[in-house]
Amino acid sequence: MNPKLPIVSGREAVSCFERLGYRVVRQRGSHIRLHHPDGGRRKPLTIPDHHALGKGLLRKLLRDADISIERFLQLL
């Protein structure tokens, strides 16, 4: 069984993805865009800079970045 997804802010999520190699390429309003420098094999991520990300959005970000919930929890 998968562990429960934590409630994290947009900034906390951005920090975790930066530890995985993603880089912030731009911010427009409250949305932060990240790219991975692997030549386009990983999807770019758009993360809203909100106090709490929804569980569905966080699950989709993890799936797009191809990391598990356990790995994400280690990076927090």
PDB file of N, CA and C in Angstrom:
ATOM      1  N   MET A   1       0.829  -1.176   0.000  1.00  0.00           N
ATOM      2  CA  MET A   1       0.000   0.000   0.000  1.00  0.00           C
ATOM      3  C   MET A   1       0.882   1.252   0.000  1.00  0.00           C
ATOM      4  N   ASN A   2       0.498   2.215  -0.805  1.00  0.00           N
ATOM      5  CA  ASN A   2       1.263   3.461  -0.895  1.00  0.00           C
ATOM      6  C   ASN A   2       1.091   4.292   0.367  1.00  0.00           C
ATOM      7  N   PRO A   3       2.144   4.979   0.784  1.00  0.00           N
ATOM      8  CA  PRO A   3       1.993   5.892   1.920  1.00  0.00           C
ATOM      9  C   PRO A   3       1.110   7.074   1.525  1.00  0.00           C
ATOM     10  N   LYS A   4       0.562   7.744   2.513  1.00  0.00           N
ATOM     11  CA  LYS A   4      -0.306   8.884   2.248  1.00  0.00           C
ATOM     12  C   LYS A   4       0.514  10.055   1.718  1.00  0.00           C
ATOM     13  N   LEU A   5      -0.095  10.793   0.821  1.00  0.00           N
ATOM     14  CA  LEU A   5       0.546  11.994   0.303  1.00  0.00           C
ATOM     15  C   LEU A   5       0.519  13.081   1.369  1.00  0.00           C
ATOM     16  N   PRO A   6       1.619  13.759   1.566  1.00  0.00           N
ATOM     17  CA  PRO A   6       1.633  14.844   2.550  1.00  0.00           C
ATOM     18  C   PRO A   6       0.985  16.101   1.970  1.00  0.00           C
ATOM     19  N   ILE A   7       0.625  17.008   2.833  1.00  0.00           N
ATOM     20  CA  ILE A   7       0.162  18.321   2.398  1.00  0.00           C
ATOM     21  C   ILE A   7       1.396  19.213   2.337  1.00  0.00           C
ATOM     22  N   VAL A   8       1.720  19.663   1.138  1.00  0.00           N
ATOM     23  CA  VAL A   8       2.905  20.502   0.949  1.00  0.00           C
ATOM     24  C   VAL A   8       2.514  21.770   0.206  1.00  0.00           C
ATOM     25  N   SER A   9       3.307  22.797   0.399  1.00  0.00           N
ATOM     26  CA  SER A   9       3.091  24.046  -0.327  1.00  0.00           C
ATOM     27  C   SER A   9       3.758  23.946  -1.697  1.00  0.00           C
ATOM     28  N   GLY A  10       3.450  24.895  -2.550  1.00  0.00           N
ATOM     29  CA  GLY A  10       4.085  24.923  -3.856  1.00  0.00           C
ATOM     30  C   GLY A  10       5.586  25.106  -3.761  1.00  0.00           C
ATOM     31  N   ARG A  11       6.032  25.947  -2.839  1.00  0.00           N
ATOM     32  CA  ARG A  11       7.476  26.185  -2.660  1.00  0.00           C
ATOM     33  C   ARG A  11       8.191  24.927  -2.178  1.00  0.00           C
ATOM     34  N   GLU A  12       7.565  24.171  -1.267  1.00  0.00           N
ATOM     35  CA  GLU A  12       8.172  22.922  -0.794  1.00  0.00           C
ATOM     36  C   GLU A  12       8.298  21.927  -1.938  1.00  0.00           C
ATOM     37  N   ALA A  13       7.271  21.853  -2.785  1.00  0.00           N
ATOM     38  CA  ALA A  13       7.317  20.943  -3.928  1.00  0.00           C
ATOM     39  C   ALA A  13       8.416  21.358  -4.902  1.00  0.00           C
ATOM     40  N   VAL A  14       8.538  22.651  -5.168  1.00  0.00           N
ATOM     41  CA  VAL A  14       9.584  23.142  -6.070  1.00  0.00           C
ATOM     42  C   VAL A  14      10.957  22.758  -5.526  1.00  0.00           C
ATOM     43  N   SER A  15      11.168  22.909  -4.223  1.00  0.00           N
ATOM     44  CA  SER A  15      12.456  22.551  -3.611  1.00  0.00           C
ATOM     45  C   SER A  15      12.770  21.076  -3.806  1.00  0.00           C
ATOM     46  N   CYS A  16      11.774  20.221  -3.636  1.00  0.00           N
ATOM     47  CA  CYS A  16      11.986  18.781  -3.820  1.00  0.00           C
ATOM     48  C   CYS A  16      12.352  18.459  -5.263  1.00  0.00           C
ATOM     49  N   PHE A  17      11.648  19.069  -6.212  1.00  0.00           N
ATOM     50  CA  PHE A  17      11.946  18.796  -7.615  1.00  0.00           C
ATOM     51  C   PHE A  17      13.303  19.371  -8.017  1.00  0.00           C
ATOM     52  N   GLU A  18      13.717  20.470  -7.395  1.00  0.00           N
ATOM     53  CA  GLU A  18      15.057  21.003  -7.670  1.00  0.00           C
ATOM     54  C   GLU A  18      16.124  20.026  -7.180  1.00  0.00           C
ATOM     55  N   ARG A  19      15.881  19.331  -6.088  1.00  0.00           N
ATOM     56  CA  ARG A  19      16.832  18.323  -5.608  1.00  0.00           C
ATOM     57  C   ARG A  19      16.937  17.151  -6.578  1.00  0.00           C
ATOM     58  N   LEU A  20      15.907  16.956  -7.399  1.00  0.00           N
ATOM     59  CA  LEU A  20      15.926  15.895  -8.412  1.00  0.00           C
ATOM     60  C   LEU A  20      16.565  16.352  -9.720  1.00  0.00           C
ATOM     61  N   GLY A  21      16.983  17.609  -9.790  1.00  0.00           N
ATOM     62  CA  GLY A  21      17.644  18.103 -10.993  1.00  0.00           C
ATOM     63  C   GLY A  21      16.815  19.067 -11.814  1.00  0.00           C
ATOM     64  N   TYR A  22      15.550  19.263 -11.475  1.00  0.00           N
ATOM     65  CA  TYR A  22      14.720  20.227 -12.198  1.00  0.00           C
ATOM     66  C   TYR A  22      15.209  21.636 -11.901  1.00  0.00           C
ATOM     67  N   ARG A  23      15.041  22.534 -12.865  1.00  0.00           N
ATOM     68  CA  ARG A  23      15.438  23.929 -12.704  1.00  0.00           C
ATOM     69  C   ARG A  23      14.250  24.836 -13.017  1.00  0.00           C
ATOM     70  N   VAL A  24      14.112  25.893 -12.235  1.00  0.00           N
ATOM     71  CA  VAL A  24      13.063  26.882 -12.489  1.00  0.00           C
ATOM     72  C   VAL A  24      13.462  27.669 -13.729  1.00  0.00           C
ATOM     73  N   VAL A  25      12.584  27.684 -14.728  1.00  0.00           N
ATOM     74  CA  VAL A  25      12.889  28.422 -15.955  1.00  0.00           C
ATOM     75  C   VAL A  25      12.112  29.728 -16.030  1.00  0.00           C
ATOM     76  N   ARG A  26      10.957  29.786 -15.385  1.00  0.00           N
ATOM     77  CA  ARG A  26      10.212  31.046 -15.360  1.00  0.00           C
ATOM     78  C   ARG A  26       9.089  30.963 -14.338  1.00  0.00           C
ATOM     79  N   GLN A  27       8.572  32.133 -14.008  1.00  0.00           N
ATOM     80  CA  GLN A  27       7.400  32.211 -13.153  1.00  0.00           C
ATOM     81  C   GLN A  27       6.497  33.280 -13.726  1.00  0.00           C
ATOM     82  N   ARG A  28       5.234  32.934 -13.859  1.00  0.00           N
ATOM     83  CA  ARG A  28       4.256  33.897 -14.348  1.00  0.00           C
ATOM     84  C   ARG A  28       3.109  33.912 -13.354  1.00  0.00           C
ATOM     85  N   GLY A  29       2.954  35.011 -12.672  1.00  0.00           N
ATOM     86  CA  GLY A  29       1.930  35.081 -11.630  1.00  0.00           C
ATOM     87  C   GLY A  29       2.289  34.129 -10.508  1.00  0.00           C
ATOM     88  N   SER A  30       1.360  33.242 -10.185  1.00  0.00           N
ATOM     89  CA  SER A  30       1.610  32.314  -9.080  1.00  0.00           C
ATOM     90  C   SER A  30       2.051  30.936  -9.563  1.00  0.00           C
ATOM     91  N   HIS A  31       2.348  30.784 -10.843  1.00  0.00           N
ATOM     92  CA  HIS A  31       2.726  29.476 -11.372  1.00  0.00           C
ATOM     93  C   HIS A  31       4.217  29.440 -11.723  1.00  0.00           C
ATOM     94  N   ILE A  32       4.878  28.406 -11.241  1.00  0.00           N
ATOM     95  CA  ILE A  32       6.319  28.237 -11.432  1.00  0.00           C
ATOM     96  C   ILE A  32       6.540  27.106 -12.427  1.00  0.00           C
ATOM     97  N   ARG A  33       7.331  27.355 -13.449  1.00  0.00           N
ATOM     98  CA  ARG A  33       7.594  26.366 -14.494  1.00  0.00           C
ATOM     99  C   ARG A  33       8.989  25.785 -14.294  1.00  0.00           C
ATOM    100  N   LEU A  34       9.083  24.446 -14.276  1.00  0.00           N
ATOM    101  CA  LEU A  34      10.366  23.766 -14.105  1.00  0.00           C
ATOM    102  C   LEU A  34      10.638  22.859 -15.298  1.00  0.00           C
ATOM    103  N   HIS A  35      11.902  22.796 -15.700  1.00  0.00           N
ATOM    104  CA  HIS A  35      12.350  21.879 -16.751  1.00  0.00           C
ATOM    105  C   HIS A  35      13.480  21.034 -16.193  1.00  0.00           C
ATOM    106  N   HIS A  36      13.635  19.844 -16.760  1.00  0.00           N
ATOM    107  CA  HIS A  36      14.749  18.977 -16.379  1.00  0.00           C
ATOM    108  C   HIS A  36      15.767  19.010 -17.513  1.00  0.00           C
ATOM    109  N   PRO A  37      17.046  19.147 -17.209  1.00  0.00           N
ATOM    110  CA  PRO A  37      18.058  19.285 -18.267  1.00  0.00           C
ATOM    111  C   PRO A  37      18.477  17.958 -18.899  1.00  0.00           C
ATOM    112  N   ASP A  38      17.563  17.029 -19.063  1.00  0.00           N
ATOM    113  CA  ASP A  38      17.909  15.720 -19.620  1.00  0.00           C
ATOM    114  C   ASP A  38      17.598  15.624 -21.107  1.00  0.00           C
ATOM    115  N   GLY A  39      17.369  16.743 -21.748  1.00  0.00           N
ATOM    116  CA  GLY A  39      17.136  16.711 -23.180  1.00  0.00           C
ATOM    117  C   GLY A  39      15.696  16.446 -23.569  1.00  0.00           C
ATOM    118  N   GLY A  40      14.758  16.688 -22.684  1.00  0.00           N
ATOM    119  CA  GLY A  40      13.349  16.550 -23.026  1.00  0.00           C
ATOM    120  C   GLY A  40      12.730  15.203 -22.747  1.00  0.00           C
ATOM    121  N   ARG A  41      13.448  14.296 -22.096  1.00  0.00           N
ATOM    122  CA  ARG A  41      12.859  12.987 -21.801  1.00  0.00           C
ATOM    123  C   ARG A  41      11.826  13.072 -20.683  1.00  0.00           C
ATOM    124  N   ARG A  42      11.967  14.048 -19.791  1.00  0.00           N
ATOM    125  CA  ARG A  42      11.002  14.234 -18.708  1.00  0.00           C
ATOM    126  C   ARG A  42      10.117  15.431 -19.031  1.00  0.00           C
ATOM    127  N   LYS A  43       8.863  15.331 -18.618  1.00  0.00           N
ATOM    128  CA  LYS A  43       7.914  16.406 -18.883  1.00  0.00           C
ATOM    129  C   LYS A  43       8.252  17.641 -18.055  1.00  0.00           C
ATOM    130  N   PRO A  44       8.041  18.822 -18.629  1.00  0.00           N
ATOM    131  CA  PRO A  44       8.162  20.030 -17.818  1.00  0.00           C
ATOM    132  C   PRO A  44       7.025  20.070 -16.799  1.00  0.00           C
ATOM    133  N   LEU A  45       7.267  20.688 -15.657  1.00  0.00           N
ATOM    134  CA  LEU A  45       6.281  20.741 -14.588  1.00  0.00           C
ATOM    135  C   LEU A  45       5.856  22.184 -14.354  1.00  0.00           C
ATOM    136  N   THR A  46       4.570  22.379 -14.092  1.00  0.00           N
ATOM    137  CA  THR A  46       4.045  23.678 -13.706  1.00  0.00           C
ATOM    138  C   THR A  46       3.435  23.526 -12.326  1.00  0.00           C
ATOM    139  N   ILE A  47       3.973  24.268 -11.366  1.00  0.00           N
ATOM    140  CA  ILE A  47       3.548  24.131  -9.978  1.00  0.00           C
ATOM    141  C   ILE A  47       3.003  25.471  -9.497  1.00  0.00           C
ATOM    142  N   PRO A  48       1.753  25.495  -9.006  1.00  0.00           N
ATOM    143  CA  PRO A  48       1.227  26.747  -8.458  1.00  0.00           C
ATOM    144  C   PRO A  48       1.879  27.059  -7.115  1.00  0.00           C
ATOM    145  N   ASP A  49       2.164  28.311  -6.886  1.00  0.00           N
ATOM    146  CA  ASP A  49       2.790  28.740  -5.633  1.00  0.00           C
ATOM    147  C   ASP A  49       1.689  29.003  -4.603  1.00  0.00           C
ATOM    148  N   HIS A  50       1.024  27.936  -4.171  1.00  0.00           N
ATOM    149  CA  HIS A  50      -0.068  28.029  -3.208  1.00  0.00           C
ATOM    150  C   HIS A  50       0.388  27.501  -1.857  1.00  0.00           C
ATOM    151  N   HIS A  51      -0.403  27.790  -0.829  1.00  0.00           N
ATOM    152  CA  HIS A  51      -0.067  27.326   0.524  1.00  0.00           C
ATOM    153  C   HIS A  51      -0.156  25.815   0.635  1.00  0.00           C
ATOM    154  N   ALA A  52      -1.104  25.207  -0.060  1.00  0.00           N
ATOM    155  CA  ALA A  52      -1.255  23.748  -0.023  1.00  0.00           C
ATOM    156  C   ALA A  52      -1.655  23.261  -1.409  1.00  0.00           C
ATOM    157  N   LEU A  53      -0.908  22.294  -1.934  1.00  0.00           N
ATOM    158  CA  LEU A  53      -1.246  21.697  -3.226  1.00  0.00           C
ATOM    159  C   LEU A  53      -2.277  20.602  -3.007  1.00  0.00           C
ATOM    160  N   GLY A  54      -3.193  20.467  -3.943  1.00  0.00           N
ATOM    161  CA  GLY A  54      -4.172  19.396  -3.867  1.00  0.00           C
ATOM    162  C   GLY A  54      -3.502  18.041  -4.055  1.00  0.00           C
ATOM    163  N   LYS A  55      -4.091  17.022  -3.464  1.00  0.00           N
ATOM    164  CA  LYS A  55      -3.501  15.685  -3.546  1.00  0.00           C
ATOM    165  C   LYS A  55      -3.480  15.160  -4.979  1.00  0.00           C
ATOM    166  N   GLY A  56      -4.515  15.462  -5.758  1.00  0.00           N
ATOM    167  CA  GLY A  56      -4.556  15.024  -7.145  1.00  0.00           C
ATOM    168  C   GLY A  56      -3.462  15.670  -7.979  1.00  0.00           C
ATOM    169  N   LEU A  57      -3.244  16.960  -7.764  1.00  0.00           N
ATOM    170  CA  LEU A  57      -2.184  17.672  -8.485  1.00  0.00           C
ATOM    171  C   LEU A  57      -0.816  17.135  -8.096  1.00  0.00           C
ATOM    172  N   LEU A  58      -0.602  16.917  -6.801  1.00  0.00           N
ATOM    173  CA  LEU A  58       0.690  16.399  -6.352  1.00  0.00           C
ATOM    174  C   LEU A  58       0.948  15.010  -6.930  1.00  0.00           C
ATOM    175  N   ARG A  59      -0.083  14.174  -6.961  1.00  0.00           N
ATOM    176  CA  ARG A  59       0.060  12.829  -7.534  1.00  0.00           C
ATOM    177  C   ARG A  59       0.435  12.916  -9.017  1.00  0.00           C
ATOM    178  N   LYS A  60      -0.189  13.846  -9.756  1.00  0.00           N
ATOM    179  CA  LYS A  60       0.125  14.011 -11.178  1.00  0.00           C
ATOM    180  C   LYS A  60       1.556  14.520 -11.372  1.00  0.00           C
ATOM    181  N   LEU A  61       1.994  15.457 -10.533  1.00  0.00           N
ATOM    182  CA  LEU A  61       3.370  15.953 -10.630  1.00  0.00           C
ATOM    183  C   LEU A  61       4.370  14.831 -10.399  1.00  0.00           C
ATOM    184  N   LEU A  62       4.103  13.974  -9.414  1.00  0.00           N
ATOM    185  CA  LEU A  62       5.003  12.849  -9.140  1.00  0.00           C
ATOM    186  C   LEU A  62       5.020  11.871 -10.308  1.00  0.00           C
ATOM    187  N   ARG A  63       3.858  11.625 -10.895  1.00  0.00           N
ATOM    188  CA  ARG A  63       3.779  10.715 -12.039  1.00  0.00           C
ATOM    189  C   ARG A  63       4.533  11.300 -13.237  1.00  0.00           C
ATOM    190  N   ASP A  64       4.355  12.601 -13.493  1.00  0.00           N
ATOM    191  CA  ASP A  64       5.052  13.248 -14.613  1.00  0.00           C
ATOM    192  C   ASP A  64       6.564  13.258 -14.410  1.00  0.00           C
ATOM    193  N   ALA A  65       7.007  13.390 -13.164  1.00  0.00           N
ATOM    194  CA  ALA A  65       8.443  13.389 -12.862  1.00  0.00           C
ATOM    195  C   ALA A  65       8.985  11.974 -12.733  1.00  0.00           C
ATOM    196  N   ASP A  66       8.109  10.992 -12.773  1.00  0.00           N
ATOM    197  CA  ASP A  66       8.477   9.574 -12.683  1.00  0.00           C
ATOM    198  C   ASP A  66       9.213   9.257 -11.373  1.00  0.00           C
ATOM    199  N   ILE A  67       8.642   9.728 -10.253  1.00  0.00           N
ATOM    200  CA  ILE A  67       9.188   9.374  -8.944  1.00  0.00           C
ATOM    201  C   ILE A  67       8.061   8.837  -8.064  1.00  0.00           C
ATOM    202  N   SER A  68       8.426   8.036  -7.099  1.00  0.00           N
ATOM    203  CA  SER A  68       7.439   7.431  -6.203  1.00  0.00           C
ATOM    204  C   SER A  68       7.140   8.367  -5.031  1.00  0.00           C
ATOM    205  N   ILE A  69       6.051   8.066  -4.350  1.00  0.00           N
ATOM    206  CA  ILE A  69       5.693   8.833  -3.161  1.00  0.00           C
ATOM    207  C   ILE A  69       6.775   8.675  -2.101  1.00  0.00           C
ATOM    208  N   GLU A  70       7.314   7.458  -1.969  1.00  0.00           N
ATOM    209  CA  GLU A  70       8.360   7.206  -0.977  1.00  0.00           C
ATOM    210  C   GLU A  70       9.586   8.079  -1.243  1.00  0.00           C
ATOM    211  N   ARG A  71       9.987   8.172  -2.505  1.00  0.00           N
ATOM    212  CA  ARG A  71      11.152   8.989  -2.874  1.00  0.00           C
ATOM    213  C   ARG A  71      10.878  10.464  -2.580  1.00  0.00           C
ATOM    214  N   PHE A  72       9.661  10.905  -2.887  1.00  0.00           N
ATOM    215  CA  PHE A  72       9.282  12.290  -2.620  1.00  0.00           C
ATOM    216  C   PHE A  72       9.342  12.581  -1.120  1.00  0.00           C
ATOM    217  N   LEU A  73       8.869  11.654  -0.309  1.00  0.00           N
ATOM    218  CA  LEU A  73       8.896  11.838   1.146  1.00  0.00           C
ATOM    219  C   LEU A  73      10.326  11.932   1.666  1.00  0.00           C
ATOM    220  N   GLN A  74      11.248  11.190   1.050  1.00  0.00           N
ATOM    221  CA  GLN A  74      12.655  11.266   1.451  1.00  0.00           C
ATOM    222  C   GLN A  74      13.245  12.644   1.154  1.00  0.00           C
ATOM    223  N   LEU A  75      12.776  13.266   0.079  1.00  0.00           N
ATOM    224  CA  LEU A  75      13.317  14.559  -0.339  1.00  0.00           C
ATOM    225  C   LEU A  75      12.759  15.733   0.456  1.00  0.00           C
ATOM    226  N   LEU A  76      11.659  15.529   1.153  1.00  0.00           N
ATOM    227  CA  LEU A  76      11.053  16.627   1.933  1.00  0.00           C
ATOM    228  C   LEU A  76      11.930  17.055   3.083  1.00  0.00           C
TER     229      LEU A  76
END
